[in-house]
Amino acid sequence: MIDLRIKMDIDSLNKIIKEKVNPILGQHFGACEATEIKDGVVFIKMTGACGQCPSAQDTIEMVVKEIIMNEVEDVKDVVLDDSVSEDLLKMAREILERRKKL
């Protein structure tokens, strides 16, 4: 049997996510993207409405993980990346600095 899954890299993962995962999440005004691959573990950042949803972990398990594990070889796990982005931290620092000057 020939394995038709693709090799794992962040660009290939995000292409699969864009084509196969985000249309499903888009039905709920959300999306996701792969932010990191470490030791076979794919970290996924939920965006849009999915980024604030209390069911984000369930969505990772029941939707995102299943699709990625079926489409990409060498993936050991798919987990939620709940880190705060550098852009958001920078914006918060700028707001705090402006308030200090007032």
N, C-alpha and C. Protein backbone atom coordinates (compact mmCIF):
# COMPACT_ATOMS: atom_id res chain seq x y z
N MET A 1 0.84 -1.19 0.00
CA MET A 1 0.00 0.00 0.00
C MET A 1 0.89 1.24 0.00
N ILE A 2 0.57 2.19 -0.83
CA ILE A 2 1.34 3.42 -0.94
C ILE A 2 0.80 4.45 0.04
N ASP A 3 1.71 5.09 0.79
CA ASP A 3 1.32 6.14 1.73
C ASP A 3 1.27 7.46 0.97
N LEU A 4 0.08 8.04 0.85
CA LEU A 4 -0.10 9.27 0.09
C LEU A 4 -0.01 10.52 0.94
N ARG A 5 0.30 10.35 2.23
CA ARG A 5 0.40 11.52 3.10
C ARG A 5 1.65 12.32 2.76
N ILE A 6 1.60 13.61 3.03
CA ILE A 6 2.73 14.48 2.71
C ILE A 6 3.74 14.50 3.85
N LYS A 7 4.95 14.93 3.54
CA LYS A 7 5.98 15.12 4.56
C LYS A 7 5.62 16.34 5.39
N MET A 8 6.06 16.34 6.63
CA MET A 8 5.68 17.40 7.55
C MET A 8 6.61 18.60 7.49
N ASP A 9 6.06 19.76 7.19
CA ASP A 9 6.72 21.05 7.36
C ASP A 9 5.61 22.07 7.55
N ILE A 10 5.94 23.21 8.11
CA ILE A 10 4.92 24.19 8.50
C ILE A 10 4.12 24.70 7.31
N ASP A 11 4.77 24.91 6.17
CA ASP A 11 4.05 25.40 4.99
C ASP A 11 3.06 24.37 4.47
N SER A 12 3.48 23.10 4.42
CA SER A 12 2.58 22.04 3.96
C SER A 12 1.41 21.87 4.92
N LEU A 13 1.70 21.94 6.21
CA LEU A 13 0.64 21.84 7.22
C LEU A 13 -0.39 22.96 7.04
N ASN A 14 0.09 24.18 6.90
CA ASN A 14 -0.83 25.30 6.77
C ASN A 14 -1.62 25.25 5.46
N LYS A 15 -1.04 24.65 4.43
CA LYS A 15 -1.78 24.47 3.18
C LYS A 15 -2.94 23.49 3.39
N ILE A 16 -2.68 22.39 4.07
CA ILE A 16 -3.73 21.42 4.37
C ILE A 16 -4.79 22.04 5.27
N ILE A 17 -4.34 22.80 6.27
CA ILE A 17 -5.28 23.46 7.17
C ILE A 17 -6.18 24.41 6.38
N LYS A 18 -5.58 25.20 5.50
CA LYS A 18 -6.35 26.16 4.71
C LYS A 18 -7.37 25.45 3.82
N GLU A 19 -6.98 24.34 3.24
CA GLU A 19 -7.85 23.64 2.29
C GLU A 19 -8.88 22.73 2.96
N LYS A 20 -8.52 22.09 4.07
CA LYS A 20 -9.38 21.04 4.61
C LYS A 20 -9.95 21.33 6.00
N VAL A 21 -9.25 22.09 6.80
CA VAL A 21 -9.71 22.36 8.17
C VAL A 21 -10.49 23.67 8.24
N ASN A 22 -9.91 24.73 7.71
CA ASN A 22 -10.53 26.05 7.85
C ASN A 22 -11.92 26.18 7.22
N PRO A 23 -12.22 25.47 6.12
CA PRO A 23 -13.60 25.53 5.65
C PRO A 23 -14.61 25.00 6.68
N ILE A 24 -14.22 24.01 7.44
CA ILE A 24 -15.09 23.47 8.49
C ILE A 24 -15.21 24.48 9.63
N LEU A 25 -14.06 25.00 10.09
CA LEU A 25 -14.08 25.97 11.18
C LEU A 25 -14.76 27.27 10.75
N GLY A 26 -14.67 27.60 9.47
CA GLY A 26 -15.27 28.81 8.95
C GLY A 26 -16.79 28.82 9.07
N GLN A 27 -17.39 27.65 9.17
CA GLN A 27 -18.83 27.58 9.37
C GLN A 27 -19.23 28.19 10.71
N HIS A 28 -18.25 28.30 11.61
CA HIS A 28 -18.48 28.90 12.93
C HIS A 28 -17.67 30.20 13.07
N PHE A 29 -17.28 30.78 11.94
CA PHE A 29 -16.53 32.04 11.88
C PHE A 29 -15.15 31.95 12.52
N GLY A 30 -14.53 30.79 12.41
CA GLY A 30 -13.20 30.59 12.96
C GLY A 30 -12.24 30.03 11.93
N ALA A 31 -11.03 29.82 12.39
CA ALA A 31 -9.98 29.24 11.56
C ALA A 31 -8.85 28.81 12.49
N CYS A 32 -7.79 28.28 11.90
CA CYS A 32 -6.61 27.93 12.70
C CYS A 32 -5.38 27.95 11.81
N GLU A 33 -4.22 27.87 12.45
CA GLU A 33 -2.96 27.79 11.71
C GLU A 33 -1.95 27.05 12.56
N ALA A 34 -1.04 26.35 11.90
CA ALA A 34 0.05 25.68 12.59
C ALA A 34 1.10 26.73 12.93
N THR A 35 1.52 26.75 14.20
CA THR A 35 2.50 27.75 14.62
C THR A 35 3.88 27.15 14.86
N GLU A 36 3.92 25.85 15.12
CA GLU A 36 5.21 25.23 15.44
C GLU A 36 5.09 23.72 15.28
N ILE A 37 6.20 23.09 14.95
CA ILE A 37 6.32 21.64 14.94
C ILE A 37 7.53 21.32 15.81
N LYS A 38 7.32 20.51 16.83
CA LYS A 38 8.42 20.17 17.72
C LYS A 38 8.33 18.69 18.08
N ASP A 39 9.34 17.93 17.67
CA ASP A 39 9.41 16.50 17.96
C ASP A 39 8.15 15.76 17.52
N GLY A 40 7.63 16.11 16.34
CA GLY A 40 6.47 15.44 15.81
C GLY A 40 5.13 15.95 16.34
N VAL A 41 5.18 16.94 17.21
CA VAL A 41 3.97 17.52 17.77
C VAL A 41 3.68 18.83 17.04
N VAL A 42 2.46 18.95 16.52
CA VAL A 42 2.05 20.15 15.79
C VAL A 42 1.26 21.03 16.75
N PHE A 43 1.66 22.29 16.86
CA PHE A 43 0.98 23.27 17.70
C PHE A 43 0.06 24.10 16.81
N ILE A 44 -1.20 24.21 17.22
CA ILE A 44 -2.22 24.88 16.43
C ILE A 44 -2.76 26.08 17.19
N LYS A 45 -2.77 27.23 16.54
CA LYS A 45 -3.36 28.46 17.10
C LYS A 45 -4.75 28.62 16.47
N MET A 46 -5.76 28.71 17.32
CA MET A 46 -7.12 28.93 16.86
C MET A 46 -7.31 30.43 16.67
N THR A 47 -8.01 30.82 15.61
CA THR A 47 -8.22 32.24 15.31
C THR A 47 -9.71 32.50 15.06
N GLY A 48 -10.04 33.78 14.90
CA GLY A 48 -11.44 34.14 14.69
C GLY A 48 -12.26 33.75 15.91
N ALA A 49 -13.50 33.35 15.68
CA ALA A 49 -14.38 32.96 16.79
C ALA A 49 -13.83 31.75 17.54
N CYS A 50 -13.08 30.90 16.85
CA CYS A 50 -12.51 29.71 17.50
C CYS A 50 -11.44 30.08 18.53
N GLY A 51 -10.81 31.24 18.35
CA GLY A 51 -9.76 31.65 19.26
C GLY A 51 -10.26 31.94 20.66
N GLN A 52 -11.52 32.30 20.80
CA GLN A 52 -12.10 32.62 22.11
C GLN A 52 -13.08 31.56 22.58
N CYS A 53 -13.24 30.51 21.84
CA CYS A 53 -14.26 29.52 22.15
C CYS A 53 -13.82 28.58 23.27
N PRO A 54 -14.70 28.34 24.23
CA PRO A 54 -14.36 27.42 25.31
C PRO A 54 -14.23 25.97 24.83
N SER A 55 -14.70 25.69 23.63
CA SER A 55 -14.59 24.33 23.09
C SER A 55 -13.40 24.17 22.14
N ALA A 56 -12.47 25.09 22.17
CA ALA A 56 -11.32 25.03 21.25
C ALA A 56 -10.55 23.72 21.39
N GLN A 57 -10.35 23.26 22.61
CA GLN A 57 -9.61 22.01 22.82
C GLN A 57 -10.35 20.83 22.20
N ASP A 58 -11.67 20.81 22.33
CA ASP A 58 -12.47 19.75 21.72
C ASP A 58 -12.38 19.82 20.20
N THR A 59 -12.37 21.02 19.65
CA THR A 59 -12.26 21.19 18.20
C THR A 59 -10.91 20.67 17.71
N ILE A 60 -9.86 20.95 18.47
CA ILE A 60 -8.53 20.41 18.12
C ILE A 60 -8.60 18.89 18.05
N GLU A 61 -9.15 18.29 19.09
CA GLU A 61 -9.19 16.82 19.18
C GLU A 61 -10.08 16.19 18.11
N MET A 62 -11.27 16.73 17.91
CA MET A 62 -12.26 16.06 17.05
C MET A 62 -12.19 16.44 15.58
N VAL A 63 -11.63 17.60 15.28
CA VAL A 63 -11.60 18.05 13.88
C VAL A 63 -10.18 18.18 13.36
N VAL A 64 -9.42 19.08 13.96
CA VAL A 64 -8.10 19.43 13.45
C VAL A 64 -7.14 18.24 13.50
N LYS A 65 -7.05 17.61 14.65
CA LYS A 65 -6.11 16.50 14.82
C LYS A 65 -6.41 15.35 13.85
N GLU A 66 -7.67 15.02 13.72
CA GLU A 66 -8.05 13.91 12.84
C GLU A 66 -7.62 14.16 11.40
N ILE A 67 -7.88 15.37 10.91
CA ILE A 67 -7.52 15.69 9.53
C ILE A 67 -6.01 15.70 9.35
N ILE A 68 -5.29 16.36 10.24
CA ILE A 68 -3.83 16.44 10.10
C ILE A 68 -3.18 15.07 10.21
N MET A 69 -3.62 14.26 11.15
CA MET A 69 -3.02 12.92 11.33
C MET A 69 -3.26 12.04 10.09
N ASN A 70 -4.39 12.26 9.42
CA ASN A 70 -4.69 11.49 8.20
C ASN A 70 -3.94 11.99 6.98
N GLU A 71 -3.57 13.25 6.98
CA GLU A 71 -2.98 13.88 5.79
C GLU A 71 -1.46 14.01 5.82
N VAL A 72 -0.87 14.01 7.02
CA VAL A 72 0.55 14.32 7.15
C VAL A 72 1.26 13.19 7.89
N GLU A 73 2.35 12.72 7.32
CA GLU A 73 3.08 11.64 7.97
C GLU A 73 3.97 12.16 9.09
N ASP A 74 4.30 11.30 10.02
CA ASP A 74 5.21 11.57 11.13
C ASP A 74 4.66 12.51 12.19
N VAL A 75 3.36 12.78 12.18
CA VAL A 75 2.76 13.60 13.23
C VAL A 75 2.42 12.69 14.39
N LYS A 76 2.95 13.02 15.57
CA LYS A 76 2.68 12.23 16.77
C LYS A 76 1.48 12.75 17.53
N ASP A 77 1.28 14.08 17.49
CA ASP A 77 0.16 14.67 18.21
C ASP A 77 -0.12 16.06 17.64
N VAL A 78 -1.32 16.55 17.90
CA VAL A 78 -1.73 17.89 17.51
C VAL A 78 -2.31 18.53 18.76
N VAL A 79 -1.72 19.67 19.18
CA VAL A 79 -2.13 20.30 20.43
C VAL A 79 -2.45 21.78 20.23
N LEU A 80 -3.24 22.30 21.15
CA LEU A 80 -3.64 23.71 21.11
C LEU A 80 -2.48 24.60 21.56
N ASP A 81 -2.16 25.60 20.77
CA ASP A 81 -1.17 26.61 21.12
C ASP A 81 -1.94 27.78 21.73
N ASP A 82 -1.88 27.88 23.04
CA ASP A 82 -2.63 28.95 23.71
C ASP A 82 -1.73 30.09 24.17
N SER A 83 -0.58 30.21 23.53
CA SER A 83 0.35 31.29 23.88
C SER A 83 -0.17 32.64 23.37
N VAL A 84 0.32 33.70 23.95
CA VAL A 84 -0.04 35.06 23.54
C VAL A 84 0.95 35.51 22.48
N SER A 85 0.43 36.07 21.39
CA SER A 85 1.31 36.47 20.30
C SER A 85 2.16 37.68 20.68
N GLU A 86 3.31 37.78 20.05
CA GLU A 86 4.20 38.92 20.29
C GLU A 86 3.54 40.23 19.86
N ASP A 87 2.75 40.19 18.79
CA ASP A 87 2.06 41.41 18.34
C ASP A 87 1.11 41.93 19.42
N LEU A 88 0.38 41.03 20.06
CA LEU A 88 -0.55 41.44 21.11
C LEU A 88 0.20 41.97 22.33
N LEU A 89 1.30 41.33 22.68
CA LEU A 89 2.10 41.82 23.81
C LEU A 89 2.68 43.20 23.51
N LYS A 90 3.15 43.40 22.28
CA LYS A 90 3.71 44.70 21.88
C LYS A 90 2.64 45.79 21.97
N MET A 91 1.43 45.48 21.48
CA MET A 91 0.35 46.44 21.52
C MET A 91 0.00 46.79 22.98
N ALA A 92 -0.04 45.82 23.84
CA ALA A 92 -0.35 46.07 25.26
C ALA A 92 0.72 46.94 25.90
N ARG A 93 1.98 46.68 25.58
CA ARG A 93 3.08 47.50 26.13
C ARG A 93 2.96 48.95 25.67
N GLU A 94 2.62 49.15 24.40
CA GLU A 94 2.47 50.51 23.87
C GLU A 94 1.32 51.25 24.56
N ILE A 95 0.24 50.58 24.80
CA ILE A 95 -0.90 51.19 25.50
C ILE A 95 -0.50 51.57 26.91
N LEU A 96 0.19 50.70 27.60
CA LEU A 96 0.63 50.99 28.96
C LEU A 96 1.61 52.16 29.00
N GLU A 97 2.50 52.22 28.02
CA GLU A 97 3.46 53.33 27.95
C GLU A 97 2.75 54.66 27.74
N ARG A 98 1.76 54.68 26.86
CA ARG A 98 0.98 55.90 26.62
C ARG A 98 0.25 56.35 27.89
N ARG A 99 -0.27 55.41 28.63
CA ARG A 99 -0.99 55.74 29.86
C ARG A 99 -0.05 56.29 30.94
N LYS A 100 1.17 55.80 30.95
CA LYS A 100 2.16 56.31 31.91
C LYS A 100 2.44 57.78 31.67
N LYS A 101 2.43 58.20 30.40
CA LYS A 101 2.77 59.57 30.04
C LYS A 101 1.63 60.54 30.33
N LEU A 102 0.44 60.04 30.56
CA LEU A 102 -0.72 60.92 30.82
C LEU A 102 -0.70 61.49 32.19
